[in-house]
Amino acid sequence: MKQNKELVFAKEAARKAGKLIVSQADSRRILAFKSENDFVTNVDKNSEKLITSLIRKRFPGHGIMAEEGSSIKNNENMWIIDPLDGTTNFTHGYPFFCVSIALVRNGVQSLGVVYDPLRDEMFHAVAGHGAYLNGKRISVSKATELKDSLLVTGFYYERGKIMRKTLEKMGDFLTRNVHGVRRDGAAALDMCYVACGRVDGYWEYVLSPWDFAASSLIAKEAGAKVTSPSGAPLEMVRMGVLAANPELHKKMLDIVRF
């Protein structure tokens, strides 16, 4: 594949942001609460400022959609950024968080990069060219039965109807003797773990575009079927996600459909 300048840029930006996040871990502090269990730290803000400044310098005509509020409209070329996915984990020193950067062209995912700075793991995909982890091709697991699967999910911040539904579905999976259900707290990494076969399937009922713009492309390019929990196609709007290999996806969809 011809070298993709946007991909090279996205990887460089993700690495720089990851280095910044790790370097500022000891000085992290909560700046504000978006809701009772959803907050932003100074490190989220600093990472976003770094990435967006790099985009503005390199691609001044491109649009930006970022979790902490940076926004420039351009439907033709839109960078969708989560500067620190797993903020709660990061704040508590739990080692599971990442940087997520996607480029969406005219509403279609073009490329995605997810970088785990603690493990120095760079996941990436370009539409139509497969998915990779540190330069090596990756693919989803071959598990087709729930009894052979390890699943992962996520909880919405509000502890109401969506939380209760997620817990109900976890119970439904466990009664079908799945190997386990994990909740690691960083949607972008969760989907990348589906992409490389570390887990067999993932579902979550409420996410924002920056949570899945990069990682859902990586999962799809690794062979996953990725839809909403109702089976509808993904759009770059607030919605849920279900990702697994096509055979397991069918069986998960029967349970998580909501």
Protein backbone atom coordinates (compact mmCIF):
# COMPACT_ATOMS: atom_id res chain seq x y z
CA MET A 1 0.00 0.00 0.00
CA LYS A 2 1.23 3.46 -0.88
CA GLN A 3 2.29 5.39 2.22
CA ASN A 4 -0.67 7.31 3.55
CA LYS A 5 0.39 10.75 4.75
CA GLU A 6 -2.67 11.14 6.98
CA LEU A 7 -1.96 7.77 8.61
CA VAL A 8 1.67 8.66 9.23
CA PHE A 9 0.52 11.94 10.74
CA ALA A 10 -2.15 10.30 12.94
CA LYS A 11 0.35 7.80 14.33
CA GLU A 12 2.85 10.56 15.11
CA ALA A 13 0.17 12.68 16.78
CA ALA A 14 -1.07 9.73 18.84
CA ARG A 15 2.46 8.91 20.01
CA LYS A 16 3.11 12.51 21.01
CA ALA A 17 -0.17 12.67 22.90
CA GLY A 18 0.55 9.34 24.58
CA LYS A 19 3.96 10.55 25.70
CA LEU A 20 2.37 13.71 27.11
CA ILE A 21 -0.28 11.71 28.99
CA VAL A 22 2.26 9.44 30.65
CA SER A 23 4.57 12.34 31.50
CA GLN A 24 1.74 14.24 33.21
CA ALA A 25 0.24 11.30 35.10
CA ASP A 26 1.62 12.44 38.46
CA SER A 27 0.17 15.93 38.05
CA ARG A 28 -3.30 14.87 36.91
CA ARG A 29 -6.26 16.61 38.47
CA ILE A 30 -9.99 16.75 37.81
CA LEU A 31 -10.99 20.08 36.26
CA ALA A 32 -14.74 19.62 35.95
CA PHE A 33 -17.58 17.12 36.11
CA LYS A 34 -19.68 16.70 32.96
CA SER A 35 -22.11 14.59 34.98
CA GLU A 36 -21.94 12.78 38.31
CA ASN A 37 -19.54 10.06 37.12
CA ASP A 38 -18.11 11.69 34.00
CA PHE A 39 -15.27 14.16 34.40
CA VAL A 40 -12.40 15.79 32.57
CA THR A 41 -8.82 16.23 33.75
CA ASN A 42 -6.11 18.71 32.86
CA VAL A 43 -4.38 15.89 30.96
CA ASP A 44 -7.44 15.31 28.72
CA LYS A 45 -7.37 19.00 27.86
CA ASN A 46 -3.62 19.11 27.28
CA SER A 47 -3.69 16.03 25.05
CA GLU A 48 -6.55 17.44 22.98
CA LYS A 49 -4.81 20.80 22.64
CA LEU A 50 -1.66 19.05 21.39
CA ILE A 51 -3.46 16.91 18.81
CA THR A 52 -5.70 19.69 17.50
CA SER A 53 -2.80 22.11 17.19
CA LEU A 54 -0.91 19.53 15.12
CA ILE A 55 -3.95 19.06 12.85
CA ARG A 56 -4.45 22.79 12.37
CA LYS A 57 -0.81 23.18 11.42
CA ARG A 58 -0.62 20.18 9.07
CA PHE A 59 -4.16 20.15 7.64
CA PRO A 60 -5.52 23.67 8.17
CA GLY A 61 -8.61 23.11 6.05
CA HIS A 62 -9.76 19.97 7.84
CA GLY A 63 -12.55 19.74 10.39
CA ILE A 64 -12.19 18.58 13.99
CA MET A 65 -14.56 16.88 16.40
CA ALA A 66 -12.99 16.16 19.79
CA GLU A 67 -14.36 14.98 23.12
CA GLU A 68 -13.36 18.00 25.16
CA GLY A 69 -14.99 20.53 22.89
CA SER A 70 -12.61 21.37 20.04
CA SER A 71 -14.73 21.77 16.92
CA ILE A 72 -14.19 22.88 13.35
CA LYS A 73 -16.86 21.85 10.83
CA ASN A 74 -15.82 20.29 7.55
CA ASN A 75 -17.84 17.29 6.38
CA GLU A 76 -15.38 16.49 3.61
CA ASN A 77 -12.46 15.83 5.97
CA MET A 78 -13.22 15.46 9.68
CA TRP A 79 -10.77 14.35 12.37
CA ILE A 80 -12.59 12.70 15.29
CA ILE A 81 -10.50 12.57 18.44
CA ASP A 82 -10.62 11.11 21.91
CA PRO A 83 -7.50 12.60 23.51
CA LEU A 84 -7.68 10.26 26.51
CA ASP A 85 -10.12 7.36 26.35
CA GLY A 86 -10.35 5.84 29.82
CA THR A 87 -10.15 9.03 31.87
CA THR A 88 -11.57 7.37 34.98
CA ASN A 89 -8.95 4.62 34.73
CA PHE A 90 -6.20 7.18 34.23
CA THR A 91 -7.34 9.24 37.19
CA HIS A 92 -7.23 6.21 39.48
CA GLY A 93 -3.95 4.88 38.12
CA TYR A 94 -5.63 1.88 36.51
CA PRO A 95 -3.43 1.02 33.49
CA PHE A 96 -5.99 0.86 30.68
CA PHE A 97 -6.36 4.00 28.58
CA CYS A 98 -5.45 5.23 25.12
CA VAL A 99 -5.48 7.96 22.48
CA SER A 100 -7.92 7.58 19.58
CA ILE A 101 -7.72 9.48 16.27
CA ALA A 102 -9.89 8.89 13.20
CA LEU A 103 -10.27 10.60 9.84
CA VAL A 104 -13.78 10.54 8.37
CA ARG A 105 -14.33 11.68 4.79
CA ASN A 106 -17.83 12.65 3.72
CA GLY A 107 -19.23 10.59 6.58
CA VAL A 108 -17.17 7.49 5.73
CA GLN A 109 -14.35 6.24 7.96
CA SER A 110 -11.04 6.60 6.13
CA LEU A 111 -8.49 5.68 8.77
CA GLY A 112 -8.23 5.01 12.47
CA VAL A 113 -5.41 4.94 15.00
CA VAL A 114 -5.62 3.85 18.64
CA TYR A 115 -2.48 4.09 20.76
CA ASP A 116 -1.92 2.53 24.18
CA PRO A 117 1.10 4.44 25.56
CA LEU A 118 1.70 2.15 28.54
CA ARG A 119 2.13 -0.95 26.37
CA ASP A 120 3.45 0.96 23.34
CA GLU A 121 0.77 -0.69 21.20
CA MET A 122 -0.31 1.11 18.05
CA PHE A 123 -3.45 -0.22 16.39
CA HIS A 124 -4.31 1.17 12.99
CA ALA A 125 -6.44 0.62 9.93
CA VAL A 126 -7.01 2.29 6.59
CA ALA A 127 -10.32 1.49 4.92
CA GLY A 128 -9.92 -1.47 2.59
CA HIS A 129 -6.39 -2.34 3.70
CA GLY A 130 -6.75 -4.44 6.84
CA ALA A 131 -5.98 -3.81 10.50
CA TYR A 132 -2.60 -3.83 12.21
CA LEU A 133 -0.98 -3.86 15.63
CA ASN A 134 2.56 -2.45 15.66
CA GLY A 135 2.79 -3.14 11.92
CA LYS A 136 1.58 -6.77 12.03
CA ARG A 137 -1.73 -7.78 10.49
CA ILE A 138 -4.40 -8.72 13.02
CA SER A 139 -7.73 -10.51 12.83
CA VAL A 140 -10.68 -11.29 15.04
CA SER A 141 -10.98 -14.58 16.90
CA LYS A 142 -12.57 -17.65 15.35
CA ALA A 143 -14.86 -18.35 18.32
CA THR A 144 -18.39 -18.95 17.03
CA GLU A 145 -20.07 -20.23 20.18
CA LEU A 146 -20.89 -18.17 23.24
CA LYS A 147 -19.58 -20.95 25.48
CA ASP A 148 -16.13 -20.48 23.93
CA SER A 149 -16.04 -16.69 24.19
CA LEU A 150 -14.63 -13.97 26.41
CA LEU A 151 -16.73 -10.82 26.11
CA VAL A 152 -16.27 -7.22 27.14
CA THR A 153 -18.77 -4.44 27.77
CA GLY A 154 -18.96 -0.90 29.10
CA PHE A 155 -21.22 1.04 31.44
CA TYR A 156 -22.87 4.34 30.65
CA TYR A 157 -22.09 7.08 33.17
CA GLU A 158 -25.68 7.49 34.31
CA ARG A 159 -26.67 4.71 36.71
CA GLY A 160 -30.22 4.27 35.41
CA LYS A 161 -32.04 2.30 32.71
CA ILE A 162 -28.99 1.72 30.50
CA MET A 163 -26.89 0.50 33.44
CA ARG A 164 -29.63 -1.92 34.52
CA LYS A 165 -30.00 -3.23 30.96
CA THR A 166 -26.24 -3.79 30.68
CA LEU A 167 -26.16 -5.72 33.96
CA GLU A 168 -29.16 -7.78 32.84
CA LYS A 169 -27.39 -8.72 29.60
CA MET A 170 -24.19 -9.58 31.45
CA GLY A 171 -26.24 -12.03 33.47
CA ASP A 172 -27.79 -13.45 30.29
CA PHE A 173 -24.35 -14.11 28.84
CA LEU A 174 -23.03 -15.64 32.04
CA THR A 175 -25.96 -18.07 32.24
CA ARG A 176 -24.93 -19.22 28.76
CA ASN A 177 -21.52 -20.11 30.19
CA VAL A 178 -19.35 -17.62 28.37
CA HIS A 179 -15.80 -17.75 29.70
CA GLY A 180 -16.28 -14.34 31.26
CA VAL A 181 -17.48 -10.77 30.82
CA ARG A 182 -14.99 -7.96 31.37
CA ARG A 183 -15.50 -4.25 31.89
CA ASP A 184 -12.20 -2.41 31.36
CA GLY A 185 -13.39 1.16 30.92
CA ALA A 186 -11.95 2.28 27.57
CA ALA A 187 -14.21 1.58 24.60
CA ALA A 188 -11.58 2.26 21.93
CA LEU A 189 -9.18 -0.29 23.41
CA ASP A 190 -12.01 -2.77 24.00
CA MET A 191 -12.80 -2.78 20.28
CA CYS A 192 -9.14 -3.06 19.36
CA TYR A 193 -8.95 -6.11 21.62
CA VAL A 194 -11.79 -7.61 19.58
CA ALA A 195 -9.81 -6.77 16.44
CA CYS A 196 -6.73 -8.68 17.56
CA GLY A 197 -8.61 -11.61 19.14
CA ARG A 198 -7.84 -10.93 22.80
CA VAL A 199 -11.59 -10.85 23.42
CA ASP A 200 -14.26 -12.35 21.20
CA GLY A 201 -17.02 -9.76 21.34
CA TYR A 202 -17.93 -6.34 22.68
CA TRP A 203 -21.13 -4.41 23.27
CA GLU A 204 -22.05 -1.08 24.84
CA TYR A 205 -25.35 0.78 24.67
CA VAL A 206 -24.31 4.44 24.65
CA LEU A 207 -21.12 5.84 23.11
CA SER A 208 -20.04 9.04 21.37
CA PRO A 209 -18.38 9.15 17.93
CA TRP A 210 -14.92 9.75 19.40
CA ASP A 211 -15.25 6.49 21.34
CA PHE A 212 -15.65 4.36 18.22
CA ALA A 213 -14.71 6.32 15.07
CA ALA A 214 -11.20 4.84 14.95
CA SER A 215 -11.66 1.54 16.77
CA SER A 216 -14.76 0.38 14.90
CA LEU A 217 -12.88 0.76 11.61
CA ILE A 218 -9.97 -1.22 13.07
CA ALA A 219 -12.37 -3.95 14.18
CA LYS A 220 -14.11 -4.06 10.78
CA GLU A 221 -10.83 -4.23 8.91
CA ALA A 222 -9.82 -7.12 11.20
CA GLY A 223 -12.91 -9.06 10.14
CA ALA A 224 -15.49 -8.06 12.73
CA LYS A 225 -19.07 -7.22 12.02
CA VAL A 226 -19.78 -3.90 13.72
CA THR A 227 -23.29 -2.53 14.18
CA SER A 228 -25.44 -0.87 16.79
CA PRO A 229 -26.91 -3.19 19.47
CA SER A 230 -30.10 -3.20 17.40
CA GLY A 231 -28.22 -4.39 14.31
CA ALA A 232 -28.34 -1.04 12.52
CA PRO A 233 -25.30 0.36 10.68
CA LEU A 234 -22.99 2.63 12.64
CA GLU A 235 -23.18 6.37 12.08
CA MET A 236 -20.95 9.09 13.49
CA VAL A 237 -23.52 10.04 16.11
CA ARG A 238 -24.19 9.13 19.73
CA MET A 239 -25.21 5.45 19.70
CA GLY A 240 -24.29 1.98 20.92
CA VAL A 241 -21.93 -0.58 19.38
CA LEU A 242 -21.81 -4.36 18.98
CA ALA A 243 -18.64 -5.90 17.52
CA ALA A 244 -17.63 -9.53 16.98
CA ASN A 245 -16.79 -11.92 14.17
CA PRO A 246 -19.87 -12.37 11.93
CA GLU A 247 -20.96 -15.72 13.38
CA LEU A 248 -20.64 -14.68 17.02
CA HIS A 249 -22.19 -11.30 16.22
CA LYS A 250 -25.44 -13.03 15.27
CA LYS A 251 -25.59 -14.85 18.59
CA MET A 252 -24.70 -11.79 20.61
CA LEU A 253 -27.27 -9.68 18.75
CA ASP A 254 -30.04 -12.06 19.80
CA ILE A 255 -29.19 -11.25 23.43
CA VAL A 256 -28.17 -7.59 23.43
CA ARG A 257 -30.77 -6.26 20.99
CA PHE A 258 -32.34 -3.22 22.66
